[in-house]
Amino acid sequence: RYIYCMSEKHNKVLYDVFEADTCIRIKSPYKFMRALYLVLKEKTHLSGWYCLSPCVYCSRMQYYGEHNAYYPAIIKPKSNNYKIQKEVRAIWLPDAGLPQLTPCNVYLDKKLITRYCEIFSVKNK
């Protein structure tokens, strides 16, 4: 799976957790995800969009299927260190039959970023 991670809520603690100095708000999440999908599609082999979902914080040792509806890619360990992130993940499926996925860096055009995102907060301001 190709996964893009973000936080549902602003939390100043996350600046240190992620060694960041700025929080960006995505004003139009689905339009932003669509733009991100189009860039990913140029660089990788995607079969399509899977989901946009908040993470579930629980044990990762679970059966997946009819007894548990949680998709494995949205499960994070039940820990206060993770719960403060309130993580949301966008997930795309690769084409079937790919032998192995490799991480890729995605760079969006500045016009796209400013169209769908804005600076929400800057650390120490």
N, C-alpha and C. Protein backbone atom coordinates (compact mmCIF):
# COMPACT_ATOMS: atom_id res chain seq x y z
N ARG A 1 0.83 -1.18 0.00
CA ARG A 1 0.00 0.00 0.00
C ARG A 1 0.88 1.24 0.00
N TYR A 2 0.41 2.28 -0.65
CA TYR A 2 1.03 3.59 -0.52
C TYR A 2 0.18 4.36 0.47
N ILE A 3 0.83 4.91 1.49
CA ILE A 3 0.09 5.53 2.59
C ILE A 3 0.61 6.94 2.83
N TYR A 4 -0.32 7.89 2.92
CA TYR A 4 0.00 9.27 3.26
C TYR A 4 -0.61 9.52 4.64
N CYS A 5 0.22 9.93 5.59
CA CYS A 5 -0.23 10.11 6.98
C CYS A 5 -0.32 11.58 7.34
N MET A 6 -1.35 11.90 8.13
CA MET A 6 -1.55 13.26 8.62
C MET A 6 -2.27 13.19 9.95
N SER A 7 -2.45 14.31 10.60
CA SER A 7 -3.13 14.34 11.89
C SER A 7 -4.49 15.01 11.75
N GLU A 8 -5.45 14.50 12.48
CA GLU A 8 -6.80 15.05 12.44
C GLU A 8 -6.90 16.38 13.19
N LYS A 9 -6.11 16.51 14.25
CA LYS A 9 -6.19 17.70 15.10
C LYS A 9 -4.79 18.28 15.34
N HIS A 10 -4.75 19.58 15.53
CA HIS A 10 -3.50 20.26 15.86
C HIS A 10 -3.14 19.96 17.31
N ASN A 11 -1.87 19.64 17.54
CA ASN A 11 -1.37 19.40 18.88
C ASN A 11 0.08 19.87 18.90
N LYS A 12 0.37 20.85 19.75
CA LYS A 12 1.71 21.44 19.79
C LYS A 12 2.80 20.42 20.13
N VAL A 13 2.45 19.37 20.84
CA VAL A 13 3.42 18.33 21.20
C VAL A 13 4.00 17.67 19.94
N LEU A 14 3.22 17.62 18.88
CA LEU A 14 3.65 16.94 17.67
C LEU A 14 4.80 17.64 16.94
N TYR A 15 5.00 18.93 17.21
CA TYR A 15 6.14 19.61 16.61
C TYR A 15 7.44 18.89 16.99
N ASP A 16 7.56 18.54 18.26
CA ASP A 16 8.77 17.86 18.73
C ASP A 16 8.80 16.40 18.29
N VAL A 17 7.64 15.74 18.33
CA VAL A 17 7.57 14.33 17.93
C VAL A 17 8.06 14.16 16.49
N PHE A 18 7.65 15.06 15.60
CA PHE A 18 8.00 14.94 14.19
C PHE A 18 9.13 15.88 13.76
N GLU A 19 9.75 16.54 14.72
CA GLU A 19 10.84 17.48 14.44
C GLU A 19 10.40 18.47 13.36
N ALA A 20 9.24 19.08 13.59
CA ALA A 20 8.65 20.01 12.63
C ALA A 20 8.57 21.41 13.23
N ASP A 21 8.42 22.40 12.37
CA ASP A 21 8.27 23.77 12.86
C ASP A 21 6.99 24.43 12.36
N THR A 22 6.24 23.74 11.50
CA THR A 22 5.04 24.32 10.92
C THR A 22 3.95 23.27 10.82
N CYS A 23 2.72 23.69 11.09
CA CYS A 23 1.56 22.83 10.91
C CYS A 23 0.78 23.36 9.70
N ILE A 24 0.49 22.48 8.77
CA ILE A 24 -0.25 22.83 7.56
C ILE A 24 -1.66 22.26 7.66
N ARG A 25 -2.66 23.07 7.36
CA ARG A 25 -4.04 22.61 7.33
C ARG A 25 -4.41 22.32 5.87
N ILE A 26 -5.00 21.16 5.67
CA ILE A 26 -5.49 20.82 4.34
C ILE A 26 -6.93 21.31 4.26
N LYS A 27 -7.15 22.34 3.47
CA LYS A 27 -8.48 22.98 3.38
C LYS A 27 -9.48 22.12 2.63
N SER A 28 -9.01 21.44 1.62
CA SER A 28 -9.88 20.60 0.77
C SER A 28 -9.29 19.20 0.71
N PRO A 29 -9.53 18.37 1.75
CA PRO A 29 -8.86 17.07 1.83
C PRO A 29 -9.04 16.18 0.62
N TYR A 30 -10.26 16.04 0.11
CA TYR A 30 -10.45 15.12 -1.02
C TYR A 30 -9.82 15.66 -2.29
N LYS A 31 -9.85 16.96 -2.50
CA LYS A 31 -9.19 17.54 -3.68
C LYS A 31 -7.67 17.40 -3.56
N PHE A 32 -7.15 17.60 -2.34
CA PHE A 32 -5.72 17.43 -2.10
C PHE A 32 -5.32 15.97 -2.35
N MET A 33 -6.11 15.03 -1.84
CA MET A 33 -5.80 13.62 -2.02
C MET A 33 -5.87 13.23 -3.50
N ARG A 34 -6.79 13.82 -4.22
CA ARG A 34 -6.90 13.55 -5.66
C ARG A 34 -5.64 14.05 -6.37
N ALA A 35 -5.18 15.25 -6.02
CA ALA A 35 -3.96 15.80 -6.62
C ALA A 35 -2.75 14.92 -6.26
N LEU A 36 -2.69 14.47 -5.03
CA LEU A 36 -1.61 13.59 -4.59
C LEU A 36 -1.68 12.26 -5.35
N TYR A 37 -2.87 11.75 -5.53
CA TYR A 37 -3.07 10.50 -6.29
C TYR A 37 -2.53 10.65 -7.72
N LEU A 38 -2.83 11.75 -8.37
CA LEU A 38 -2.39 11.95 -9.75
C LEU A 38 -0.87 11.99 -9.85
N VAL A 39 -0.22 12.61 -8.85
CA VAL A 39 1.24 12.64 -8.84
C VAL A 39 1.79 11.25 -8.57
N LEU A 40 1.20 10.54 -7.60
CA LEU A 40 1.64 9.17 -7.31
C LEU A 40 1.48 8.26 -8.52
N LYS A 41 0.39 8.44 -9.23
CA LYS A 41 0.10 7.60 -10.39
C LYS A 41 1.17 7.77 -11.47
N GLU A 42 1.74 8.97 -11.58
CA GLU A 42 2.82 9.21 -12.55
C GLU A 42 4.11 8.50 -12.15
N LYS A 43 4.33 8.35 -10.82
CA LYS A 43 5.59 7.80 -10.33
C LYS A 43 5.53 6.31 -10.00
N THR A 44 4.33 5.78 -9.81
CA THR A 44 4.19 4.40 -9.35
C THR A 44 3.16 3.68 -10.22
N HIS A 45 2.78 2.53 -9.78
CA HIS A 45 1.76 1.73 -10.46
C HIS A 45 0.58 1.55 -9.51
N LEU A 46 -0.40 2.42 -9.61
CA LEU A 46 -1.56 2.35 -8.72
C LEU A 46 -2.76 1.74 -9.42
N SER A 47 -3.50 0.94 -8.67
CA SER A 47 -4.75 0.44 -9.23
C SER A 47 -5.89 1.35 -8.83
N GLY A 48 -5.67 2.16 -7.79
CA GLY A 48 -6.71 3.10 -7.40
C GLY A 48 -6.67 3.48 -5.94
N TRP A 49 -7.66 4.25 -5.59
CA TRP A 49 -7.84 4.78 -4.24
C TRP A 49 -8.45 3.71 -3.37
N TYR A 50 -8.00 3.60 -2.14
CA TYR A 50 -8.61 2.63 -1.24
C TYR A 50 -9.45 3.32 -0.18
N CYS A 51 -8.80 4.18 0.64
CA CYS A 51 -9.60 4.82 1.69
C CYS A 51 -8.89 6.03 2.28
N LEU A 52 -9.66 6.81 3.01
CA LEU A 52 -9.18 7.89 3.85
C LEU A 52 -9.82 7.61 5.20
N SER A 53 -9.00 7.26 6.20
CA SER A 53 -9.56 6.77 7.45
C SER A 53 -8.71 7.18 8.65
N PRO A 54 -9.36 7.47 9.78
CA PRO A 54 -8.59 7.67 11.01
C PRO A 54 -7.98 6.34 11.45
N CYS A 55 -6.84 6.41 12.10
CA CYS A 55 -6.22 5.20 12.63
C CYS A 55 -7.00 4.72 13.85
N VAL A 56 -6.91 3.42 14.08
CA VAL A 56 -7.51 2.80 15.25
C VAL A 56 -6.35 2.38 16.14
N TYR A 57 -6.40 2.77 17.40
CA TYR A 57 -5.32 2.49 18.34
C TYR A 57 -5.71 1.29 19.19
N CYS A 58 -5.11 0.14 18.86
CA CYS A 58 -5.42 -1.09 19.56
C CYS A 58 -4.28 -2.08 19.30
N SER A 59 -4.41 -3.28 19.82
CA SER A 59 -3.39 -4.28 19.60
C SER A 59 -3.32 -4.64 18.11
N ARG A 60 -2.10 -4.78 17.60
CA ARG A 60 -1.95 -5.18 16.20
C ARG A 60 -2.09 -6.69 16.03
N MET A 61 -2.10 -7.42 17.14
CA MET A 61 -2.25 -8.87 17.10
C MET A 61 -3.74 -9.19 17.04
N GLN A 62 -4.28 -9.26 15.81
CA GLN A 62 -5.71 -9.49 15.62
C GLN A 62 -5.92 -10.34 14.37
N TYR A 63 -7.08 -10.95 14.33
CA TYR A 63 -7.50 -11.63 13.11
C TYR A 63 -8.18 -10.60 12.24
N TYR A 64 -7.93 -10.67 10.96
CA TYR A 64 -8.59 -9.76 10.03
C TYR A 64 -9.61 -10.55 9.23
N GLY A 65 -10.78 -10.02 9.10
CA GLY A 65 -11.81 -10.71 8.33
C GLY A 65 -13.18 -10.46 8.92
N GLU A 66 -14.01 -11.48 8.91
CA GLU A 66 -15.39 -11.30 9.32
C GLU A 66 -15.54 -10.94 10.80
N HIS A 67 -14.56 -11.31 11.64
CA HIS A 67 -14.65 -11.02 13.07
C HIS A 67 -14.09 -9.65 13.44
N ASN A 68 -13.40 -9.03 12.52
CA ASN A 68 -12.77 -7.74 12.80
C ASN A 68 -12.80 -6.92 11.52
N ALA A 69 -13.44 -5.76 11.60
CA ALA A 69 -13.58 -4.93 10.40
C ALA A 69 -12.42 -3.95 10.21
N TYR A 70 -11.46 -3.91 11.13
CA TYR A 70 -10.37 -2.95 11.00
C TYR A 70 -9.39 -3.40 9.92
N TYR A 71 -9.19 -2.54 8.96
CA TYR A 71 -8.21 -2.80 7.92
C TYR A 71 -6.82 -2.70 8.54
N PRO A 72 -5.93 -3.66 8.34
CA PRO A 72 -4.63 -3.67 9.01
C PRO A 72 -3.80 -2.39 8.84
N ALA A 73 -3.92 -1.71 7.72
CA ALA A 73 -3.10 -0.51 7.48
C ALA A 73 -3.55 0.71 8.30
N ILE A 74 -4.68 0.61 8.99
CA ILE A 74 -5.09 1.75 9.84
C ILE A 74 -4.94 1.46 11.32
N ILE A 75 -4.37 0.30 11.67
CA ILE A 75 -4.17 -0.05 13.07
C ILE A 75 -2.80 0.42 13.53
N LYS A 76 -2.78 1.10 14.68
CA LYS A 76 -1.53 1.51 15.32
C LYS A 76 -1.54 0.97 16.74
N PRO A 77 -0.36 0.70 17.31
CA PRO A 77 -0.32 0.18 18.68
C PRO A 77 -1.02 1.11 19.66
N LYS A 78 -1.66 0.50 20.65
CA LYS A 78 -2.37 1.26 21.68
C LYS A 78 -1.33 1.82 22.65
N SER A 79 -0.98 3.07 22.46
CA SER A 79 0.05 3.73 23.27
C SER A 79 -0.27 5.21 23.30
N ASN A 80 -0.05 5.83 24.45
CA ASN A 80 -0.29 7.28 24.54
C ASN A 80 0.60 8.05 23.59
N ASN A 81 1.79 7.52 23.30
CA ASN A 81 2.69 8.20 22.36
C ASN A 81 2.07 8.29 20.97
N TYR A 82 1.31 7.29 20.58
CA TYR A 82 0.66 7.30 19.28
C TYR A 82 -0.70 7.98 19.31
N LYS A 83 -1.45 7.77 20.40
CA LYS A 83 -2.82 8.30 20.45
C LYS A 83 -2.86 9.82 20.31
N ILE A 84 -1.85 10.53 20.79
CA ILE A 84 -1.86 11.99 20.69
C ILE A 84 -1.77 12.46 19.25
N GLN A 85 -1.32 11.57 18.35
CA GLN A 85 -1.19 11.95 16.95
C GLN A 85 -2.55 12.08 16.26
N LYS A 86 -3.54 11.35 16.71
CA LYS A 86 -4.86 11.34 16.05
C LYS A 86 -4.68 11.24 14.54
N GLU A 87 -3.92 10.21 14.16
CA GLU A 87 -3.51 10.05 12.76
C GLU A 87 -4.66 9.64 11.84
N VAL A 88 -4.63 10.20 10.64
CA VAL A 88 -5.53 9.84 9.56
C VAL A 88 -4.64 9.41 8.40
N ARG A 89 -5.05 8.34 7.73
CA ARG A 89 -4.23 7.84 6.62
C ARG A 89 -5.04 7.77 5.33
N ALA A 90 -4.41 8.24 4.27
CA ALA A 90 -4.94 8.04 2.92
C ALA A 90 -4.18 6.85 2.36
N ILE A 91 -4.90 5.90 1.77
CA ILE A 91 -4.28 4.66 1.32
C ILE A 91 -4.65 4.40 -0.14
N TRP A 92 -3.64 4.10 -0.93
CA TRP A 92 -3.84 3.74 -2.33
C TRP A 92 -3.33 2.33 -2.55
N LEU A 93 -3.98 1.61 -3.43
CA LEU A 93 -3.58 0.24 -3.75
C LEU A 93 -2.66 0.21 -4.96
N PRO A 94 -1.61 -0.60 -4.89
CA PRO A 94 -0.75 -0.78 -6.07
C PRO A 94 -1.41 -1.73 -7.04
N ASP A 95 -0.93 -1.71 -8.27
CA ASP A 95 -1.39 -2.69 -9.25
C ASP A 95 -1.10 -4.09 -8.74
N ALA A 96 -1.98 -5.01 -9.03
CA ALA A 96 -1.77 -6.41 -8.64
C ALA A 96 -0.55 -6.97 -9.36
N GLY A 97 0.17 -7.82 -8.68
CA GLY A 97 1.30 -8.49 -9.32
C GLY A 97 2.63 -7.77 -9.20
N LEU A 98 2.65 -6.61 -8.55
CA LEU A 98 3.96 -5.95 -8.38
C LEU A 98 4.78 -6.77 -7.39
N PRO A 99 6.03 -7.06 -7.73
CA PRO A 99 6.83 -7.91 -6.84
C PRO A 99 7.14 -7.27 -5.49
N GLN A 100 7.42 -5.96 -5.48
CA GLN A 100 7.76 -5.30 -4.23
C GLN A 100 7.56 -3.79 -4.40
N LEU A 101 6.98 -3.17 -3.40
CA LEU A 101 6.82 -1.71 -3.43
C LEU A 101 8.07 -1.06 -2.87
N THR A 102 8.39 0.09 -3.38
CA THR A 102 9.51 0.85 -2.85
C THR A 102 8.98 2.22 -2.43
N PRO A 103 9.54 2.78 -1.36
CA PRO A 103 9.10 4.12 -0.94
C PRO A 103 9.40 5.12 -2.05
N CYS A 104 8.57 6.15 -2.12
CA CYS A 104 8.84 7.19 -3.10
C CYS A 104 8.54 8.55 -2.48
N ASN A 105 9.33 9.52 -2.86
CA ASN A 105 9.08 10.89 -2.43
C ASN A 105 8.19 11.56 -3.46
N VAL A 106 7.22 12.31 -2.95
CA VAL A 106 6.29 12.99 -3.84
C VAL A 106 6.44 14.49 -3.62
N TYR A 107 6.62 15.21 -4.70
CA TYR A 107 6.73 16.66 -4.63
C TYR A 107 5.57 17.27 -5.40
N LEU A 108 4.77 18.04 -4.71
CA LEU A 108 3.63 18.68 -5.35
C LEU A 108 4.00 20.08 -5.80
N ASP A 109 3.42 20.49 -6.87
CA ASP A 109 3.59 21.83 -7.38
C ASP A 109 3.12 22.85 -6.33
N LYS A 110 3.86 23.93 -6.19
CA LYS A 110 3.52 24.95 -5.18
C LYS A 110 2.10 25.47 -5.38
N LYS A 111 1.64 25.60 -6.61
CA LYS A 111 0.28 26.08 -6.87
C LYS A 111 -0.76 25.12 -6.31
N LEU A 112 -0.50 23.82 -6.44
CA LEU A 112 -1.42 22.82 -5.89
C LEU A 112 -1.46 22.91 -4.36
N ILE A 113 -0.30 23.03 -3.76
CA ILE A 113 -0.24 23.09 -2.30
C ILE A 113 -0.98 24.32 -1.79
N THR A 114 -0.75 25.47 -2.37
CA THR A 114 -1.41 26.69 -1.89
C THR A 114 -2.91 26.69 -2.22
N ARG A 115 -3.32 25.94 -3.23
CA ARG A 115 -4.74 25.86 -3.57
C ARG A 115 -5.50 25.05 -2.51
N TYR A 116 -4.88 23.97 -2.02
CA TYR A 116 -5.57 23.06 -1.12
C TYR A 116 -5.11 23.11 0.33
N CYS A 117 -4.02 23.84 0.62
CA CYS A 117 -3.46 23.87 1.97
C CYS A 117 -3.15 25.30 2.40
N GLU A 118 -2.98 25.47 3.71
CA GLU A 118 -2.59 26.78 4.25
C GLU A 118 -1.79 26.56 5.53
N ILE A 119 -0.96 27.53 5.87
CA ILE A 119 -0.22 27.45 7.13
C ILE A 119 -1.21 27.68 8.26
N PHE A 120 -1.23 26.76 9.20
CA PHE A 120 -2.15 26.84 10.33
C PHE A 120 -1.46 27.42 11.55
N SER A 121 -0.24 26.95 11.81
CA SER A 121 0.49 27.36 13.00
C SER A 121 1.97 27.17 12.78
N VAL A 122 2.76 28.02 13.43
CA VAL A 122 4.21 27.91 13.38
C VAL A 122 4.70 27.75 14.82
N LYS A 123 5.62 26.81 15.03
CA LYS A 123 6.14 26.54 16.37
C LYS A 123 6.74 27.81 16.96
N ASN A 124 6.48 28.01 18.24
CA ASN A 124 7.00 29.15 19.00
C ASN A 124 6.48 30.49 18.54
N LYS A 125 5.32 30.53 17.92
CA LYS A 125 4.72 31.80 17.54
C LYS A 125 3.42 31.99 18.26
